[in-house]
PDB file of N, CA and C in Angstrom:
ATOM      1  N   UNK A   1       0.818  -1.180   0.012  1.00  0.00           N
ATOM      2  CA  UNK A   1       0.000   0.006   0.000  1.00  0.00           C
ATOM      3  C   UNK A   1       0.871   1.270  -0.007  1.00  0.00           C
ATOM      4  N   UNK A   2       1.999   1.222   0.705  1.00  0.00           N
ATOM      5  CA  UNK A   2       2.884   2.371   0.741  1.00  0.00           C
ATOM      6  C   UNK A   2       3.405   2.665  -0.661  1.00  0.00           C
ATOM      7  N   UNK A   3       3.799   1.637  -1.374  1.00  0.00           N
ATOM      8  CA  UNK A   3       4.313   1.814  -2.735  1.00  0.00           C
ATOM      9  C   UNK A   3       3.258   2.469  -3.621  1.00  0.00           C
ATOM     10  N   UNK A   4       2.030   1.973  -3.568  1.00  0.00           N
ATOM     11  CA  UNK A   4       0.967   2.513  -4.412  1.00  0.00           C
ATOM     12  C   UNK A   4       0.665   3.976  -4.084  1.00  0.00           C
ATOM     13  N   UNK A   5       0.616   4.314  -2.813  1.00  0.00           N
ATOM     14  CA  UNK A   5       0.308   5.691  -2.409  1.00  0.00           C
ATOM     15  C   UNK A   5       1.438   6.648  -2.791  1.00  0.00           C
ATOM     16  N   UNK A   6       2.681   6.255  -2.581  1.00  0.00           N
ATOM     17  CA  UNK A   6       3.803   7.147  -2.936  1.00  0.00           C
ATOM     18  C   UNK A   6       3.889   7.312  -4.444  1.00  0.00           C
ATOM     19  N   UNK A   7       3.678   6.221  -5.192  1.00  0.00           N
ATOM     20  CA  UNK A   7       3.670   6.330  -6.644  1.00  0.00           C
ATOM     21  C   UNK A   7       2.553   7.255  -7.122  1.00  0.00           C
ATOM     22  N   UNK A   8       1.388   7.174  -6.477  1.00  0.00           N
ATOM     23  CA  UNK A   8       0.243   7.995  -6.878  1.00  0.00           C
ATOM     24  C   UNK A   8       0.516   9.478  -6.603  1.00  0.00           C
ATOM     25  N   UNK A   9       0.986   9.801  -5.397  1.00  0.00           N
ATOM     26  CA  UNK A   9       1.163  11.203  -5.030  1.00  0.00           C
ATOM     27  C   UNK A   9       2.431  11.827  -5.609  1.00  0.00           C
ATOM     28  N   UNK A  10       3.444  11.042  -5.862  1.00  0.00           N
ATOM     29  CA  UNK A  10       4.689  11.614  -6.390  1.00  0.00           C
ATOM     30  C   UNK A  10       4.633  11.795  -7.889  1.00  0.00           C
ATOM     31  N   UNK A  11       3.706  11.104  -8.532  1.00  0.00           N
ATOM     32  CA  UNK A  11       3.632  11.173  -9.987  1.00  0.00           C
ATOM     33  C   UNK A  11       4.685  10.300 -10.659  1.00  0.00           C
ATOM     34  N   UNK A  12       5.461   9.621  -9.851  1.00  0.00           N
ATOM     35  CA  UNK A  12       6.489   8.721 -10.394  1.00  0.00           C
ATOM     36  C   UNK A  12       5.983   7.293 -10.252  1.00  0.00           C
ATOM     37  N   UNK A  13       6.460   6.446 -11.107  1.00  0.00           N
ATOM     38  CA  UNK A  13       6.112   5.035 -11.013  1.00  0.00           C
ATOM     39  C   UNK A  13       7.384   4.251 -10.700  1.00  0.00           C
ATOM     40  N   UNK A  14       7.203   3.157 -10.033  1.00  0.00           N
ATOM     41  CA  UNK A  14       8.329   2.291  -9.783  1.00  0.00           C
ATOM     42  C   UNK A  14       8.966   2.408  -8.403  1.00  0.00           C
ATOM     43  N   UNK A  15       8.343   3.217  -7.519  1.00  0.00           N
ATOM     44  CA  UNK A  15       8.882   3.274  -6.155  1.00  0.00           C
ATOM     45  C   UNK A  15       8.708   1.903  -5.524  1.00  0.00           C
ATOM     46  N   UNK A  16       9.771   1.404  -4.906  1.00  0.00           N
ATOM     47  CA  UNK A  16       9.734   0.127  -4.205  1.00  0.00           C
ATOM     48  C   UNK A  16      10.096   0.368  -2.744  1.00  0.00           C
ATOM     49  N   UNK A  17       9.259  -0.104  -1.857  1.00  0.00           N
ATOM     50  CA  UNK A  17       9.492   0.023  -0.414  1.00  0.00           C
ATOM     51  C   UNK A  17      10.645  -0.877  -0.008  1.00  0.00           C
ATOM     52  N   UNK A  18      11.584  -0.315   0.697  1.00  0.00           N
ATOM     53  CA  UNK A  18      12.682  -1.088   1.255  1.00  0.00           C
ATOM     54  C   UNK A  18      12.706  -0.840   2.748  1.00  0.00           C
ATOM     55  N   UNK A  19      12.645  -1.903   3.515  1.00  0.00           N
ATOM     56  CA  UNK A  19      12.704  -1.762   4.976  1.00  0.00           C
ATOM     57  C   UNK A  19      13.985  -1.038   5.370  1.00  0.00           C
ATOM     58  N   UNK A  20      13.870  -0.124   6.315  1.00  0.00           N
ATOM     59  CA  UNK A  20      14.988   0.679   6.813  1.00  0.00           C
ATOM     60  C   UNK A  20      15.580   1.621   5.761  1.00  0.00           C
ATOM     61  N   UNK A  21      14.780   1.959   4.764  1.00  0.00           N
ATOM     62  CA  UNK A  21      15.245   2.886   3.744  1.00  0.00           C
ATOM     63  C   UNK A  21      15.513   4.263   4.347  1.00  0.00           C
ATOM     64  N   UNK A  22      16.630   4.850   4.016  1.00  0.00           N
ATOM     65  CA  UNK A  22      16.973   6.164   4.539  1.00  0.00           C
ATOM     66  C   UNK A  22      16.108   7.255   3.922  1.00  0.00           C
ATOM     67  N   UNK A  23      15.529   7.012   2.762  1.00  0.00           N
ATOM     68  CA  UNK A  23      14.692   8.030   2.128  1.00  0.00           C
ATOM     69  C   UNK A  23      13.234   7.970   2.581  1.00  0.00           C
ATOM     70  N   UNK A  24      12.850   6.965   3.341  1.00  0.00           N
ATOM     71  CA  UNK A  24      11.451   6.789   3.719  1.00  0.00           C
ATOM     72  C   UNK A  24      10.932   7.989   4.531  1.00  0.00           C
ATOM     73  N   UNK A  25      11.699   8.476   5.487  1.00  0.00           N
ATOM     74  CA  UNK A  25      11.240   9.597   6.281  1.00  0.00           C
ATOM     75  C   UNK A  25      10.960  10.803   5.396  1.00  0.00           C
ATOM     76  N   UNK A  26      11.855  11.093   4.485  1.00  0.00           N
ATOM     77  CA  UNK A  26      11.675  12.239   3.586  1.00  0.00           C
ATOM     78  C   UNK A  26      10.446  12.075   2.700  1.00  0.00           C
ATOM     79  N   UNK A  27      10.215  10.869   2.226  1.00  0.00           N
ATOM     80  CA  UNK A  27       9.036  10.621   1.387  1.00  0.00           C
ATOM     81  C   UNK A  27       7.756  10.779   2.193  1.00  0.00           C
ATOM     82  N   UNK A  28       7.725  10.245   3.402  1.00  0.00           N
ATOM     83  CA  UNK A  28       6.529  10.379   4.231  1.00  0.00           C
ATOM     84  C   UNK A  28       6.307  11.812   4.654  1.00  0.00           C
ATOM     85  N   UNK A  29       7.395  12.528   4.907  1.00  0.00           N
ATOM     86  CA  UNK A  29       7.280  13.942   5.259  1.00  0.00           C
ATOM     87  C   UNK A  29       6.698  14.740   4.092  1.00  0.00           C
ATOM     88  N   UNK A  30       7.125  14.408   2.882  1.00  0.00           N
ATOM     89  CA  UNK A  30       6.689  15.137   1.702  1.00  0.00           C
ATOM     90  C   UNK A  30       5.271  14.751   1.259  1.00  0.00           C
ATOM     91  N   UNK A  31       4.955  13.449   1.255  1.00  0.00           N
ATOM     92  CA  UNK A  31       3.682  12.989   0.703  1.00  0.00           C
ATOM     93  C   UNK A  31       2.681  12.516   1.755  1.00  0.00           C
ATOM     94  N   UNK A  32       3.137  12.356   2.974  1.00  0.00           N
ATOM     95  CA  UNK A  32       2.259  11.857   4.033  1.00  0.00           C
ATOM     96  C   UNK A  32       1.451  12.953   4.697  1.00  0.00           C
ATOM     97  N   UNK A  33       0.588  12.562   5.602  1.00  0.00           N
ATOM     98  CA  UNK A  33      -0.247  13.507   6.344  1.00  0.00           C
ATOM     99  C   UNK A  33      -0.304  13.002   7.788  1.00  0.00           C
ATOM    100  N   UNK A  34       0.512  13.612   8.636  1.00  0.00           N
ATOM    101  CA  UNK A  34       0.632  13.125  10.021  1.00  0.00           C
ATOM    102  C   UNK A  34      -0.690  13.254  10.785  1.00  0.00           C
ATOM    103  N   UNK A  35      -1.380  14.365  10.616  1.00  0.00           N
ATOM    104  CA  UNK A  35      -2.658  14.544  11.309  1.00  0.00           C
ATOM    105  C   UNK A  35      -3.662  13.462  10.926  1.00  0.00           C
ATOM    106  N   UNK A  36      -3.732  13.168   9.637  1.00  0.00           N
ATOM    107  CA  UNK A  36      -4.650  12.139   9.148  1.00  0.00           C
ATOM    108  C   UNK A  36      -4.271  10.768   9.695  1.00  0.00           C
ATOM    109  N   UNK A  37      -2.970  10.497   9.769  1.00  0.00           N
ATOM    110  CA  UNK A  37      -2.502   9.214  10.302  1.00  0.00           C
ATOM    111  C   UNK A  37      -2.860   9.072  11.768  1.00  0.00           C
ATOM    112  N   UNK A  38      -2.699  10.151  12.541  1.00  0.00           N
ATOM    113  CA  UNK A  38      -3.040  10.128  13.965  1.00  0.00           C
ATOM    114  C   UNK A  38      -4.535   9.929  14.147  1.00  0.00           C
ATOM    115  N   UNK A  39      -5.344  10.627  13.354  1.00  0.00           N
ATOM    116  CA  UNK A  39      -6.797  10.468  13.440  1.00  0.00           C
ATOM    117  C   UNK A  39      -7.207   9.015  13.161  1.00  0.00           C
ATOM    118  N   UNK A  40      -6.609   8.412  12.130  1.00  0.00           N
ATOM    119  CA  UNK A  40      -6.904   7.021  11.804  1.00  0.00           C
ATOM    120  C   UNK A  40      -6.489   6.087  12.917  1.00  0.00           C
ATOM    121  N   UNK A  41      -5.319   6.337  13.500  1.00  0.00           N
ATOM    122  CA  UNK A  41      -4.830   5.494  14.597  1.00  0.00           C
ATOM    123  C   UNK A  41      -5.750   5.598  15.811  1.00  0.00           C
ATOM    124  N   UNK A  42      -6.252   6.791  16.096  1.00  0.00           N
ATOM    125  CA  UNK A  42      -7.151   6.973  17.221  1.00  0.00           C
ATOM    126  C   UNK A  42      -8.489   6.233  16.977  1.00  0.00           C
ATOM    127  N   UNK A  43      -8.965   6.267  15.745  1.00  0.00           N
ATOM    128  CA  UNK A  43     -10.196   5.540  15.416  1.00  0.00           C
ATOM    129  C   UNK A  43     -10.006   4.026  15.569  1.00  0.00           C
ATOM    130  N   UNK A  44      -8.864   3.542  15.120  1.00  0.00           N
ATOM    131  CA  UNK A  44      -8.554   2.106  15.268  1.00  0.00           C
ATOM    132  C   UNK A  44      -8.483   1.726  16.739  1.00  0.00           C
ATOM    133  N   UNK A  45      -7.872   2.580  17.531  1.00  0.00           N
ATOM    134  CA  UNK A  45      -7.716   2.302  18.961  1.00  0.00           C
ATOM    135  C   UNK A  45      -9.090   2.154  19.647  1.00  0.00           C
ATOM    136  N   UNK A  46     -10.060   2.945  19.206  1.00  0.00           N
ATOM    137  CA  UNK A  46     -11.401   2.899  19.806  1.00  0.00           C
ATOM    138  C   UNK A  46     -12.166   1.623  19.467  1.00  0.00           C
ATOM    139  N   UNK A  47     -11.715   0.904  18.449  1.00  0.00           N
ATOM    140  CA  UNK A  47     -12.382  -0.350  18.057  1.00  0.00           C
ATOM    141  C   UNK A  47     -12.184  -1.463  19.087  1.00  0.00           C
ATOM    142  N   UNK A  48     -11.157  -1.325  19.920  1.00  0.00           N
ATOM    143  CA  UNK A  48     -10.808  -2.378  20.855  1.00  0.00           C
ATOM    144  C   UNK A  48     -11.167  -1.965  22.272  1.00  0.00           C
ATOM    145  N   UNK A  49     -11.950  -2.778  22.952  1.00  0.00           N
ATOM    146  CA  UNK A  49     -12.353  -2.441  24.318  1.00  0.00           C
ATOM    147  C   UNK A  49     -11.483  -3.159  25.355  1.00  0.00           C
ATOM    148  N   UNK A  50     -10.834  -4.238  24.972  1.00  0.00           N
ATOM    149  CA  UNK A  50      -9.989  -4.935  25.959  1.00  0.00           C
ATOM    150  C   UNK A  50      -8.601  -4.286  26.010  1.00  0.00           C
ATOM    151  N   UNK A  51      -7.884  -4.541  27.075  1.00  0.00           N
ATOM    152  CA  UNK A  51      -6.554  -3.938  27.253  1.00  0.00           C
ATOM    153  C   UNK A  51      -5.435  -4.894  26.830  1.00  0.00           C
ATOM    154  N   UNK A  52      -5.793  -6.003  26.226  1.00  0.00           N
ATOM    155  CA  UNK A  52      -4.807  -6.947  25.745  1.00  0.00           C
ATOM    156  C   UNK A  52      -4.316  -6.482  24.376  1.00  0.00           C
ATOM    157  N   UNK A  53      -3.310  -5.602  24.399  1.00  0.00           N
ATOM    158  CA  UNK A  53      -2.862  -4.942  23.169  1.00  0.00           C
ATOM    159  C   UNK A  53      -2.303  -5.910  22.137  1.00  0.00           C
ATOM    160  N   UNK A  54      -1.862  -7.066  22.565  1.00  0.00           N
ATOM    161  CA  UNK A  54      -1.329  -8.035  21.604  1.00  0.00           C
ATOM    162  C   UNK A  54      -2.389  -8.545  20.656  1.00  0.00           C
ATOM    163  N   UNK A  55      -3.667  -8.413  21.029  1.00  0.00           N
ATOM    164  CA  UNK A  55      -4.763  -8.851  20.180  1.00  0.00           C
ATOM    165  C   UNK A  55      -5.239  -7.763  19.241  1.00  0.00           C
ATOM    166  N   UNK A  56      -4.718  -6.576  19.355  1.00  0.00           N
ATOM    167  CA  UNK A  56      -5.134  -5.450  18.527  1.00  0.00           C
ATOM    168  C   UNK A  56      -4.315  -5.427  17.247  1.00  0.00           C
ATOM    169  N   UNK A  57      -4.975  -5.670  16.143  1.00  0.00           N
ATOM    170  CA  UNK A  57      -4.280  -5.712  14.884  1.00  0.00           C
ATOM    171  C   UNK A  57      -5.088  -5.000  13.828  1.00  0.00           C
ATOM    172  N   UNK A  58      -4.672  -3.901  13.285  1.00  0.00           N
ATOM    173  CA  UNK A  58      -3.449  -3.170  13.583  1.00  0.00           C
ATOM    174  C   UNK A  58      -3.701  -2.139  14.672  1.00  0.00           C
ATOM    175  N   UNK A  59      -2.755  -1.968  15.537  1.00  0.00           N
ATOM    176  CA  UNK A  59      -2.867  -0.959  16.585  1.00  0.00           C
ATOM    177  C   UNK A  59      -1.547  -0.907  17.330  1.00  0.00           C
ATOM    178  N   UNK A  60      -0.705   0.081  17.010  1.00  0.00           N
ATOM    179  CA  UNK A  60       0.633   0.150  17.600  1.00  0.00           C
ATOM    180  C   UNK A  60       0.737   1.127  18.753  1.00  0.00           C
ATOM    181  N   UNK A  61      -0.138   2.104  18.812  1.00  0.00           N
ATOM    182  CA  UNK A  61      -0.112   3.161  19.831  1.00  0.00           C
ATOM    183  C   UNK A  61       1.050   4.128  19.625  1.00  0.00           C
ATOM    184  N   UNK A  62       1.708   4.065  18.485  1.00  0.00           N
ATOM    185  CA  UNK A  62       2.783   5.006  18.190  1.00  0.00           C
ATOM    186  C   UNK A  62       2.251   6.430  18.139  1.00  0.00           C
ATOM    187  N   UNK A  63       0.987   6.583  17.759  1.00  0.00           N
ATOM    188  CA  UNK A  63       0.400   7.916  17.706  1.00  0.00           C
ATOM    189  C   UNK A  63       0.422   8.608  19.053  1.00  0.00           C
ATOM    190  N   UNK A  64       0.322   7.836  20.125  1.00  0.00           N
ATOM    191  CA  UNK A  64       0.406   8.415  21.465  1.00  0.00           C
ATOM    192  C   UNK A  64       1.795   9.017  21.716  1.00  0.00           C
ATOM    193  N   UNK A  65       2.819   8.325  21.283  1.00  0.00           N
ATOM    194  CA  UNK A  65       4.187   8.816  21.414  1.00  0.00           C
ATOM    195  C   UNK A  65       4.351  10.096  20.603  1.00  0.00           C
ATOM    196  N   UNK A  66       3.848  10.101  19.391  1.00  0.00           N
ATOM    197  CA  UNK A  66       3.960  11.293  18.537  1.00  0.00           C
ATOM    198  C   UNK A  66       3.273  12.469  19.185  1.00  0.00           C
ATOM    199  N   UNK A  67       2.075  12.273  19.725  1.00  0.00           N
ATOM    200  CA  UNK A  67       1.354  13.369  20.389  1.00  0.00           C
ATOM    201  C   UNK A  67       2.115  13.871  21.612  1.00  0.00           C
ATOM    202  N   UNK A  68       2.706  12.983  22.370  1.00  0.00           N
ATOM    203  CA  UNK A  68       3.497  13.386  23.544  1.00  0.00           C
ATOM    204  C   UNK A  68       4.718  14.190  23.124  1.00  0.00           C
ATOM    205  N   UNK A  69       5.386  13.750  22.067  1.00  0.00           N
ATOM    206  CA  UNK A  69       6.567  14.468  21.588  1.00  0.00           C
ATOM    207  C   UNK A  69       6.178  15.850  21.050  1.00  0.00           C
ATOM    208  N   UNK A  70       5.057  15.934  20.355  1.00  0.00           N
ATOM    209  CA  UNK A  70       4.580  17.239  19.875  1.00  0.00           C
ATOM    210  C   UNK A  70       4.280  18.166  21.045  1.00  0.00           C
ATOM    211  N   UNK A  71       3.673  17.620  22.077  1.00  0.00           N
ATOM    212  CA  UNK A  71       3.339  18.421  23.258  1.00  0.00           C
ATOM    213  C   UNK A  71       4.613  18.936  23.928  1.00  0.00           C
ATOM    214  N   UNK A  72       5.611  18.084  24.083  1.00  0.00           N
ATOM    215  CA  UNK A  72       6.881  18.500  24.672  1.00  0.00           C
ATOM    216  C   UNK A  72       7.568  19.586  23.818  1.00  0.00           C
ATOM    217  N   UNK A  73       7.521  19.374  22.518  1.00  0.00           N
ATOM    218  CA  UNK A  73       8.123  20.347  21.618  1.00  0.00           C
ATOM    219  C   UNK A  73       7.457  21.699  21.759  1.00  0.00           C
ATOM    220  N   UNK A  74       6.135  21.718  21.768  1.00  0.00           N
ATOM    221  CA  UNK A  74       5.386  22.962  21.891  1.00  0.00           C
ATOM    222  C   UNK A  74       5.618  23.627  23.246  1.00  0.00           C
ATOM    223  N   UNK A  75       5.778  22.813  24.275  1.00  0.00           N
ATOM    224  CA  UNK A  75       6.005  23.344  25.622  1.00  0.00           C
ATOM    225  C   UNK A  75       7.354  24.047  25.735  1.00  0.00           C
ATOM    226  N   UNK A  76       8.337  23.570  24.999  1.00  0.00           N
ATOM    227  CA  UNK A  76       9.697  24.076  25.112  1.00  0.00           C
ATOM    228  C   UNK A  76      10.094  25.032  23.998  1.00  0.00           C
ATOM    229  N   UNK A  77       9.154  25.465  23.186  1.00  0.00           N
ATOM    230  CA  UNK A  77       9.463  26.446  22.137  1.00  0.00           C
ATOM    231  C   UNK A  77       9.308  27.844  22.629  1.00  0.00           C
TER     232      UNK A  77
END
């Protein structure tokens, strides 16, 4: 899905996802939407009522870390 979305938004064809790619952050920064990703993650999180996170698929809770880091950044600017 990452390949298809980056190819669609970049106007280029042939992008291949490589795990641990050094260019991935730049591509996501350019073509991604962090707010949209956080909103989607929060919606997914609400689908699960139990606290057994290992059963939540997909649900990483990384969005919580991002929100905390943004809050710290804003606090110290």
